[in-house]
N, C-alpha and C. Protein backbone atom coordinates (compact mmCIF):
# COMPACT_ATOMS: atom_id res chain seq x y z
N UNK A 1 -11.71 -20.41 12.56
CA UNK A 1 -10.54 -20.31 12.33
C UNK A 1 -9.79 -19.59 13.50
N UNK A 2 -8.75 -20.31 13.93
CA UNK A 2 -7.86 -19.99 15.23
C UNK A 2 -6.79 -18.74 14.70
N UNK A 3 -7.23 -17.55 14.91
CA UNK A 3 -6.07 -16.52 14.63
C UNK A 3 -5.46 -15.82 15.51
N UNK A 4 -5.09 -16.81 16.80
CA UNK A 4 -4.48 -16.20 17.91
C UNK A 4 -3.10 -16.05 17.51
N UNK A 5 -2.44 -16.89 16.96
CA UNK A 5 -1.00 -16.99 16.41
C UNK A 5 -0.58 -15.93 15.41
N UNK A 6 -1.62 -15.22 14.80
CA UNK A 6 -1.20 -14.33 13.68
C UNK A 6 -0.57 -13.08 14.38
N UNK A 7 0.51 -12.61 13.81
CA UNK A 7 1.32 -11.38 14.30
C UNK A 7 1.43 -10.58 13.40
N UNK A 8 0.95 -9.06 13.90
CA UNK A 8 1.06 -8.15 12.99
C UNK A 8 2.30 -7.36 13.06
N UNK A 9 2.95 -6.90 12.09
CA UNK A 9 4.30 -6.26 12.24
C UNK A 9 4.21 -4.91 11.22
N UNK A 10 5.11 -4.01 11.70
CA UNK A 10 5.45 -2.82 10.76
C UNK A 10 6.80 -3.34 9.98
N UNK A 11 6.89 -3.11 8.68
CA UNK A 11 7.96 -3.42 7.93
C UNK A 11 8.50 -2.30 7.33
N UNK A 12 9.97 -2.30 7.42
CA UNK A 12 10.77 -1.13 6.58
C UNK A 12 11.34 -1.72 5.32
N UNK A 13 11.44 -2.99 5.20
CA UNK A 13 12.13 -3.47 3.92
C UNK A 13 11.70 -4.88 3.95
N UNK A 14 11.79 -5.54 2.92
CA UNK A 14 11.49 -6.90 2.74
C UNK A 14 12.78 -7.72 2.13
N UNK A 15 12.94 -8.88 2.72
CA UNK A 15 13.86 -9.70 2.35
C UNK A 15 13.43 -10.18 0.88
N UNK A 16 14.29 -10.94 0.24
CA UNK A 16 14.04 -11.58 -1.44
C UNK A 16 12.85 -12.51 -1.08
N UNK A 17 12.68 -13.45 -0.12
CA UNK A 17 11.87 -14.46 0.22
C UNK A 17 10.42 -13.80 0.55
N UNK A 18 10.61 -12.75 1.25
CA UNK A 18 9.20 -11.91 1.57
C UNK A 18 8.59 -11.44 0.36
N UNK A 19 9.52 -10.87 -0.59
CA UNK A 19 8.99 -10.24 -1.66
C UNK A 19 8.19 -11.54 -2.62
N UNK A 20 8.83 -12.94 -2.73
CA UNK A 20 8.28 -13.71 -3.29
C UNK A 20 6.96 -14.12 -2.63
N UNK A 21 6.67 -14.06 -1.53
CA UNK A 21 5.63 -14.33 -0.71
C UNK A 21 4.63 -13.21 -0.92
N UNK A 22 4.83 -12.08 -1.12
CA UNK A 22 4.05 -10.81 -1.36
C UNK A 22 3.54 -11.17 -2.74
N UNK A 23 4.50 -11.28 -3.75
CA UNK A 23 3.73 -11.34 -5.26
C UNK A 23 2.63 -12.52 -5.21
N UNK A 24 3.15 -13.68 -4.54
CA UNK A 24 2.36 -14.79 -4.50
C UNK A 24 0.86 -14.38 -4.01
N UNK A 25 1.10 -13.55 -2.76
CA UNK A 25 -0.26 -13.26 -2.23
C UNK A 25 -1.09 -12.27 -3.05
N UNK A 26 -0.40 -11.50 -3.49
CA UNK A 26 -1.27 -10.52 -4.76
C UNK A 26 -1.87 -11.36 -5.93
N UNK A 27 -1.04 -12.41 -6.12
CA UNK A 27 -1.57 -13.28 -7.18
C UNK A 27 -2.74 -13.92 -6.62
N UNK A 28 -2.73 -14.44 -5.54
CA UNK A 28 -4.07 -15.06 -4.94
C UNK A 28 -5.06 -14.31 -4.43
N UNK A 29 -4.95 -13.30 -4.20
CA UNK A 29 -6.08 -12.36 -3.56
C UNK A 29 -6.25 -10.99 -3.88
N UNK A 30 -5.72 -10.62 -5.12
CA UNK A 30 -5.68 -9.24 -5.38
C UNK A 30 -6.08 -9.12 -6.83
N UNK A 31 -7.07 -9.17 -7.35
CA UNK A 31 -7.35 -9.16 -8.84
C UNK A 31 -6.77 -7.72 -9.50
N UNK A 32 -6.63 -6.73 -8.80
CA UNK A 32 -6.10 -5.67 -9.38
C UNK A 32 -4.51 -5.55 -9.16
N UNK A 33 -3.98 -6.51 -8.65
CA UNK A 33 -2.56 -6.67 -8.55
C UNK A 33 -1.99 -7.89 -8.96
N UNK A 34 -2.49 -8.77 -9.99
CA UNK A 34 -2.01 -10.11 -10.16
C UNK A 34 -0.75 -10.13 -10.99
N UNK A 35 -0.63 -9.11 -11.61
CA UNK A 35 0.54 -8.85 -12.66
C UNK A 35 1.71 -8.14 -12.21
N UNK A 36 1.78 -7.83 -10.76
CA UNK A 36 2.84 -7.14 -10.31
C UNK A 36 4.23 -7.70 -10.03
N UNK A 37 5.21 -7.28 -10.54
CA UNK A 37 6.39 -8.01 -10.32
C UNK A 37 7.28 -7.75 -9.09
N UNK A 38 8.25 -8.66 -8.81
CA UNK A 38 8.94 -8.49 -7.67
C UNK A 38 9.78 -7.12 -7.59
N UNK A 39 10.37 -6.73 -8.93
CA UNK A 39 11.04 -5.52 -9.02
C UNK A 39 10.10 -4.46 -8.69
N UNK A 40 8.97 -4.53 -9.39
CA UNK A 40 7.90 -3.12 -8.94
C UNK A 40 7.47 -3.05 -7.55
N UNK A 41 7.29 -4.21 -6.96
CA UNK A 41 6.80 -4.00 -5.40
C UNK A 41 7.94 -3.77 -4.52
N UNK A 42 9.30 -3.93 -5.04
CA UNK A 42 10.35 -3.45 -4.17
C UNK A 42 10.51 -1.82 -4.38
N UNK A 43 10.14 -1.59 -5.57
CA UNK A 43 10.29 0.08 -5.48
C UNK A 43 8.84 0.63 -4.77
N UNK A 44 7.99 -0.20 -5.10
CA UNK A 44 6.67 0.58 -4.27
C UNK A 44 6.78 0.52 -2.48
N UNK A 45 7.42 -0.67 -2.09
CA UNK A 45 7.81 -0.58 -0.86
C UNK A 45 8.90 0.35 -0.40
N UNK A 46 9.76 0.59 -1.17
CA UNK A 46 10.76 1.49 -0.76
C UNK A 46 10.28 2.98 -0.57
N UNK A 47 9.24 3.35 -1.20
CA UNK A 47 8.61 4.68 -1.38
C UNK A 47 7.30 4.65 -0.46
N UNK A 48 7.08 3.84 0.25
CA UNK A 48 5.89 3.65 1.29
C UNK A 48 6.15 3.68 2.52
N UNK A 49 5.61 4.13 3.28
CA UNK A 49 5.68 4.32 4.78
C UNK A 49 4.44 4.96 5.47
N UNK A 50 4.06 4.05 6.44
CA UNK A 50 4.41 2.97 6.94
C UNK A 50 3.89 1.72 6.08
N UNK A 51 4.22 0.38 6.44
CA UNK A 51 3.91 -0.84 5.69
C UNK A 51 3.55 -1.63 7.09
N UNK A 52 2.44 -2.52 6.94
CA UNK A 52 1.72 -3.25 7.97
C UNK A 52 1.91 -4.65 7.23
N UNK A 53 2.23 -5.63 8.11
CA UNK A 53 2.22 -6.90 7.58
C UNK A 53 1.45 -8.03 8.57
N UNK A 54 0.94 -8.99 8.21
CA UNK A 54 0.30 -10.24 8.88
C UNK A 54 0.87 -11.50 8.72
N UNK A 55 1.36 -12.06 9.45
CA UNK A 55 1.95 -13.44 9.51
C UNK A 55 1.50 -14.59 10.29
N UNK A 56 1.27 -15.55 9.59
CA UNK A 56 1.18 -16.81 10.48
C UNK A 56 2.41 -17.66 10.43
N UNK A 57 3.18 -17.50 11.57
CA UNK A 57 4.65 -18.23 11.53
C UNK A 57 5.44 -17.61 10.59
N UNK A 58 6.08 -18.22 9.56
CA UNK A 58 6.85 -17.56 8.61
C UNK A 58 5.97 -17.42 7.32
N UNK A 59 4.68 -17.40 7.34
CA UNK A 59 3.97 -17.28 6.07
C UNK A 59 3.50 -15.99 6.18
N UNK A 60 3.52 -15.18 5.10
CA UNK A 60 2.80 -13.77 4.99
C UNK A 60 1.42 -13.99 4.53
N UNK A 61 0.44 -13.44 5.23
CA UNK A 61 -0.74 -13.59 5.02
C UNK A 61 -1.71 -12.42 4.63
N UNK A 62 -0.92 -11.22 5.13
CA UNK A 62 -1.77 -10.03 5.03
C UNK A 62 -0.59 -8.77 4.72
N UNK A 63 -0.97 -7.83 4.02
CA UNK A 63 -0.07 -6.76 3.55
C UNK A 63 -0.96 -5.57 3.51
N UNK A 64 -0.67 -4.47 3.76
CA UNK A 64 -1.09 -3.18 3.46
C UNK A 64 -0.11 -2.04 3.52
N UNK A 65 -0.07 -1.15 2.44
CA UNK A 65 1.05 0.00 2.76
C UNK A 65 0.30 1.32 2.65
N UNK A 66 1.14 2.42 2.88
CA UNK A 66 0.52 3.90 2.96
C UNK A 66 1.77 4.77 2.54
N UNK A 67 1.25 6.02 2.04
CA UNK A 67 2.12 7.15 1.94
C UNK A 67 1.47 8.14 2.55
N UNK A 68 2.37 9.08 3.13
CA UNK A 68 1.67 10.02 4.12
C UNK A 68 2.89 11.27 4.33
N UNK A 69 2.36 12.39 4.53
CA UNK A 69 3.16 13.51 4.90
C UNK A 69 3.22 13.65 6.24
N UNK A 70 2.64 12.75 7.03
CA UNK A 70 2.72 12.81 8.43
C UNK A 70 1.87 13.62 9.35
N UNK A 71 1.15 14.49 8.50
CA UNK A 71 0.38 15.66 8.99
C UNK A 71 -1.04 15.77 8.59
N UNK A 72 -0.83 16.00 7.01
CA UNK A 72 -2.28 16.56 6.61
C UNK A 72 -3.07 15.40 5.80
N UNK A 73 -2.19 14.45 5.02
CA UNK A 73 -2.65 13.52 4.29
C UNK A 73 -2.20 12.21 4.22
N UNK A 74 -2.89 11.22 4.02
CA UNK A 74 -2.04 9.97 4.01
C UNK A 74 -3.05 9.17 3.06
N UNK A 75 -2.45 8.14 2.28
CA UNK A 75 -3.28 7.03 1.49
C UNK A 75 -2.92 5.76 1.81
N UNK A 76 -3.91 4.82 2.02
CA UNK A 76 -3.61 3.62 2.21
C UNK A 76 -3.85 2.90 0.84
N UNK A 77 -2.81 1.96 0.48
CA UNK A 77 -2.80 1.15 -0.76
C UNK A 77 -2.63 -0.44 -0.36
N UNK A 78 -3.20 -0.86 -1.46
CA UNK A 78 -2.77 -2.46 -1.51
C UNK A 78 -3.04 -3.41 -0.17
N UNK A 79 -4.53 -3.20 0.43
CA UNK A 79 -4.67 -4.03 1.63
C UNK A 79 -5.11 -5.39 0.82
N UNK A 80 -4.51 -6.38 1.49
CA UNK A 80 -4.70 -7.65 0.92
C UNK A 80 -4.66 -8.60 2.17
N UNK A 81 -5.52 -9.60 2.26
CA UNK A 81 -5.53 -10.83 3.22
C UNK A 81 -5.51 -12.21 2.30
N UNK A 82 -4.83 -13.01 2.60
CA UNK A 82 -4.82 -14.27 2.08
C UNK A 82 -6.17 -14.83 2.16
N UNK A 83 -6.76 -15.37 0.75
CA UNK A 83 -8.14 -16.07 0.70
C UNK A 83 -8.30 -17.07 1.98
N UNK A 84 -7.22 -17.79 2.38
CA UNK A 84 -7.51 -18.73 3.46
C UNK A 84 -7.78 -18.10 4.74
N UNK A 85 -7.59 -16.79 4.86
CA UNK A 85 -7.58 -16.17 6.28
C UNK A 85 -8.69 -15.00 6.21
N UNK A 86 -9.39 -14.90 5.39
CA UNK A 86 -10.53 -13.82 5.08
C UNK A 86 -11.70 -14.22 6.03
N UNK A 87 -12.25 -13.02 6.35
CA UNK A 87 -13.57 -13.38 7.19
C UNK A 87 -13.36 -13.50 8.62
N UNK A 88 -12.02 -13.24 9.14
CA UNK A 88 -11.89 -13.39 10.67
C UNK A 88 -11.42 -12.03 11.18
N UNK A 89 -11.50 -10.87 10.47
CA UNK A 89 -11.22 -9.75 10.85
C UNK A 89 -9.96 -9.38 10.82
N UNK A 90 -9.14 -9.93 10.10
CA UNK A 90 -7.58 -9.54 9.85
C UNK A 90 -7.41 -8.64 9.01
N UNK A 91 -8.32 -8.22 8.02
CA UNK A 91 -8.19 -7.30 7.23
C UNK A 91 -8.54 -5.83 8.14
N UNK A 92 -9.44 -6.04 8.82
CA UNK A 92 -9.74 -4.88 9.82
C UNK A 92 -8.74 -4.63 10.57
N UNK A 93 -8.09 -5.45 11.32
CA UNK A 93 -6.66 -5.45 12.42
C UNK A 93 -5.66 -4.78 11.27
N UNK A 94 -5.53 -5.19 10.11
CA UNK A 94 -4.36 -4.85 9.34
C UNK A 94 -4.67 -3.18 9.17
N UNK A 95 -5.73 -2.83 8.58
CA UNK A 95 -5.87 -1.39 8.35
C UNK A 95 -5.75 -0.46 9.64
N UNK A 96 -6.25 -1.22 10.76
CA UNK A 96 -6.31 -0.38 12.10
C UNK A 96 -4.72 -0.37 12.39
N UNK A 97 -3.91 -1.36 12.44
CA UNK A 97 -2.56 -1.44 12.52
C UNK A 97 -1.81 -0.26 11.92
N UNK A 98 -2.23 -0.17 10.44
CA UNK A 98 -1.44 0.73 9.69
C UNK A 98 -1.96 2.04 9.97
N UNK A 99 -3.19 2.44 10.36
CA UNK A 99 -3.54 3.68 10.75
C UNK A 99 -3.13 4.15 12.25
N UNK A 100 -2.84 3.32 12.92
CA UNK A 100 -2.38 3.55 14.34
C UNK A 100 -1.01 3.70 14.26
N UNK A 101 -0.13 3.59 13.09
CA UNK A 101 1.26 3.80 13.28
C UNK A 101 1.59 5.37 13.51
N UNK A 102 2.45 5.74 14.33
CA UNK A 102 2.78 7.16 14.52
C UNK A 102 2.74 8.22 13.33
N UNK A 103 3.21 7.71 12.27
CA UNK A 103 3.24 8.49 10.99
C UNK A 103 1.91 8.90 10.39
N UNK A 104 0.95 7.89 10.84
CA UNK A 104 -0.40 8.18 10.34
C UNK A 104 -1.45 8.45 11.48
N UNK A 105 -1.20 8.29 12.63
CA UNK A 105 -2.27 8.19 13.87
C UNK A 105 -2.79 9.72 13.84
N UNK A 106 -2.23 10.87 13.47
CA UNK A 106 -2.64 12.14 13.90
C UNK A 106 -2.82 12.87 12.37
N UNK A 107 -3.00 12.29 11.50
CA UNK A 107 -3.09 12.64 9.76
C UNK A 107 -4.47 13.21 9.83
N UNK A 108 -4.74 14.38 9.23
CA UNK A 108 -5.82 15.15 9.19
C UNK A 108 -6.89 14.25 8.17
N UNK A 109 -6.57 13.63 7.23
CA UNK A 109 -7.30 12.77 6.40
C UNK A 109 -6.60 11.70 5.73
N UNK A 110 -7.30 10.33 6.00
CA UNK A 110 -6.53 9.25 5.25
C UNK A 110 -7.49 8.85 4.14
N UNK A 111 -6.99 8.80 3.02
CA UNK A 111 -7.78 8.17 1.85
C UNK A 111 -7.44 6.88 1.58
N UNK A 112 -8.22 6.18 0.63
CA UNK A 112 -8.03 4.98 0.00
C UNK A 112 -8.96 4.87 -0.93
N UNK A 113 -8.32 3.84 -2.14
CA UNK A 113 -9.30 3.57 -3.26
C UNK A 113 -9.76 2.14 -3.30
N UNK A 114 -10.90 2.07 -3.48
CA UNK A 114 -11.23 0.49 -3.44
C UNK A 114 -12.42 0.28 -4.59
N UNK A 115 -12.43 -0.90 -5.18
CA UNK A 115 -13.23 -1.22 -6.16
C UNK A 115 -14.63 -1.75 -5.93
N UNK A 116 -14.46 -2.85 -5.03
CA UNK A 116 -15.62 -3.50 -4.33
C UNK A 116 -15.96 -3.64 -2.97
N UNK A 117 -14.92 -2.94 -2.04
CA UNK A 117 -15.05 -3.19 -0.63
C UNK A 117 -15.58 -2.03 0.09
N UNK A 118 -16.35 -1.15 -0.58
CA UNK A 118 -16.72 -0.01 0.28
C UNK A 118 -17.31 -0.40 1.70
N UNK A 119 -18.18 -1.29 1.51
CA UNK A 119 -18.82 -1.82 2.95
C UNK A 119 -18.06 -2.30 3.98
N UNK A 120 -16.90 -2.92 3.64
CA UNK A 120 -15.90 -3.30 4.40
C UNK A 120 -15.36 -1.98 5.20
N UNK A 121 -14.84 -1.07 4.33
CA UNK A 121 -13.96 0.07 4.89
C UNK A 121 -15.01 0.90 5.58
N UNK A 122 -16.46 1.00 5.29
CA UNK A 122 -17.45 1.84 5.82
C UNK A 122 -17.53 1.37 7.45
N UNK A 123 -17.44 0.08 7.41
CA UNK A 123 -17.53 -0.52 8.94
C UNK A 123 -16.16 -0.31 9.66
N UNK A 124 -15.18 0.11 9.18
CA UNK A 124 -14.02 0.53 9.88
C UNK A 124 -14.14 2.09 10.16
N UNK A 125 -14.85 2.84 9.39
CA UNK A 125 -15.02 4.32 9.66
C UNK A 125 -14.87 5.14 8.50
N UNK A 126 -14.38 4.53 7.34
CA UNK A 126 -14.24 5.39 6.08
C UNK A 126 -15.57 5.91 5.40
N UNK A 127 -15.71 6.89 5.00
CA UNK A 127 -16.72 7.33 4.37
C UNK A 127 -16.52 7.53 2.80
N UNK A 128 -17.50 7.60 2.10
CA UNK A 128 -17.54 7.78 0.60
C UNK A 128 -17.32 9.22 0.54
N UNK A 129 -16.17 9.57 -0.44
CA UNK A 129 -15.87 10.95 -0.65
C UNK A 129 -16.10 11.57 -2.16
N UNK A 130 -17.01 11.88 -2.65
CA UNK A 130 -17.21 11.88 -4.17
C UNK A 130 -16.52 13.31 -4.46
N UNK A 131 -16.02 14.06 -3.59
CA UNK A 131 -15.16 15.22 -4.15
C UNK A 131 -13.91 15.05 -4.45
N UNK A 132 -13.24 13.69 -4.34
CA UNK A 132 -11.81 13.53 -4.83
C UNK A 132 -11.72 12.39 -5.85
N UNK A 133 -12.31 12.67 -6.94
CA UNK A 133 -12.44 11.54 -7.88
C UNK A 133 -11.44 12.00 -8.91
N UNK A 134 -10.50 12.84 -9.04
CA UNK A 134 -9.79 13.10 -10.03
C UNK A 134 -8.53 12.17 -10.13
N UNK A 135 -8.27 11.77 -11.42
CA UNK A 135 -7.10 11.03 -11.51
C UNK A 135 -6.42 11.20 -12.98
N UNK A 136 -5.07 11.21 -12.82
CA UNK A 136 -4.16 11.43 -14.05
C UNK A 136 -3.64 9.95 -14.36
N UNK A 137 -4.12 9.68 -15.52
CA UNK A 137 -3.53 8.18 -16.22
C UNK A 137 -2.36 8.38 -16.56
N UNK A 138 -0.95 8.07 -16.14
CA UNK A 138 0.35 8.22 -16.81
C UNK A 138 0.64 7.71 -18.02
N UNK A 139 -0.12 7.99 -19.05
CA UNK A 139 0.02 7.49 -20.26
C UNK A 139 0.52 8.44 -21.32
N UNK A 140 0.50 9.81 -21.01
CA UNK A 140 1.12 10.84 -21.90
C UNK A 140 2.41 11.38 -21.49
N UNK A 141 3.08 11.74 -22.35
CA UNK A 141 4.51 12.28 -21.91
C UNK A 141 4.36 13.40 -21.35
N UNK A 142 4.83 13.54 -20.21
CA UNK A 142 4.83 14.79 -19.41
C UNK A 142 6.53 15.42 -19.30
N UNK A 143 6.44 16.71 -19.74
CA UNK A 143 7.91 17.30 -19.59
C UNK A 143 8.27 17.35 -18.06
N UNK A 144 9.34 16.75 -17.83
CA UNK A 144 9.90 16.86 -16.38
C UNK A 144 10.83 18.22 -16.39
N UNK A 145 10.60 18.72 -14.98
CA UNK A 145 11.28 19.80 -14.63
C UNK A 145 12.82 19.28 -14.00
N UNK A 146 13.89 20.11 -14.19
CA UNK A 146 14.95 19.94 -13.59
C UNK A 146 15.07 19.68 -12.10
N UNK A 147 15.81 18.77 -11.60
CA UNK A 147 15.84 18.70 -9.99
C UNK A 147 16.82 19.72 -9.78
N UNK A 148 16.76 20.05 -8.31
CA UNK A 148 17.66 21.22 -7.82
C UNK A 148 18.90 20.87 -8.39
N UNK A 149 19.81 22.02 -8.72
CA UNK A 149 21.40 21.63 -8.99
C UNK A 149 21.40 20.87 -10.50
N UNK A 150 20.36 20.77 -11.11
CA UNK A 150 20.41 20.26 -12.42
C UNK A 150 19.87 21.16 -13.44
N UNK A 151 20.80 21.25 -14.37
CA UNK A 151 20.39 22.23 -15.60
C UNK A 151 19.49 21.57 -16.49
N UNK A 152 18.84 22.47 -17.36
CA UNK A 152 17.87 21.95 -18.40
C UNK A 152 18.66 21.27 -19.39
N UNK A 153 19.95 21.53 -19.56
CA UNK A 153 20.86 20.83 -20.59
C UNK A 153 21.06 19.41 -20.06
N UNK A 154 21.37 19.28 -18.88
CA UNK A 154 21.72 17.98 -18.28
C UNK A 154 20.44 17.10 -18.55
N UNK A 155 19.23 17.71 -18.14
CA UNK A 155 18.09 16.82 -18.32
C UNK A 155 17.78 16.51 -19.75
N UNK A 156 18.10 17.40 -20.70
CA UNK A 156 17.95 17.18 -22.12
C UNK A 156 18.83 16.02 -22.61
N UNK A 157 19.91 16.16 -22.08
CA UNK A 157 21.01 15.06 -22.44
C UNK A 157 20.76 13.71 -21.97
N UNK A 158 20.00 13.70 -20.73
CA UNK A 158 19.63 12.47 -20.15
C UNK A 158 18.51 11.80 -20.84
N UNK A 159 17.68 12.58 -21.60
CA UNK A 159 16.74 11.94 -22.43
C UNK A 159 17.09 11.39 -23.87
N UNK A 160 18.28 11.46 -24.38
CA UNK A 160 19.01 10.96 -25.47
C UNK A 160 19.26 9.65 -25.31
């Protein structure tokens, strides 16, 4: 496969057509994200920085996003390459592009979660880390604290 025309880009936002392509990419290549909606992905994108994409012309063929404080910790999420383009090193390049972004490049630790691709990430330099295996499943109601400037009465009336 000739991947010389593939362009890697950082994205700050997604146009509606790009969101459609992203949802289709997840449906085709990401068993963990087949049911994601455009609306949910728009929210995830709005709260992620940086985002790296891979394009073959106008076709979105790769996507990865991160969240980071820019100093101590970062987490990489949703690394996906179209099945038609897998096996050519594009996934590695996508992760490396994301990790090289100025907001990520000097972070002390970069985390990611993967179900079946430990070997792929180990070849990039990631190591298994059994000490960070805690997870909170957000299925219980948690009482929210008021935002700055918001009273508990305002918060209580918002729940009604």
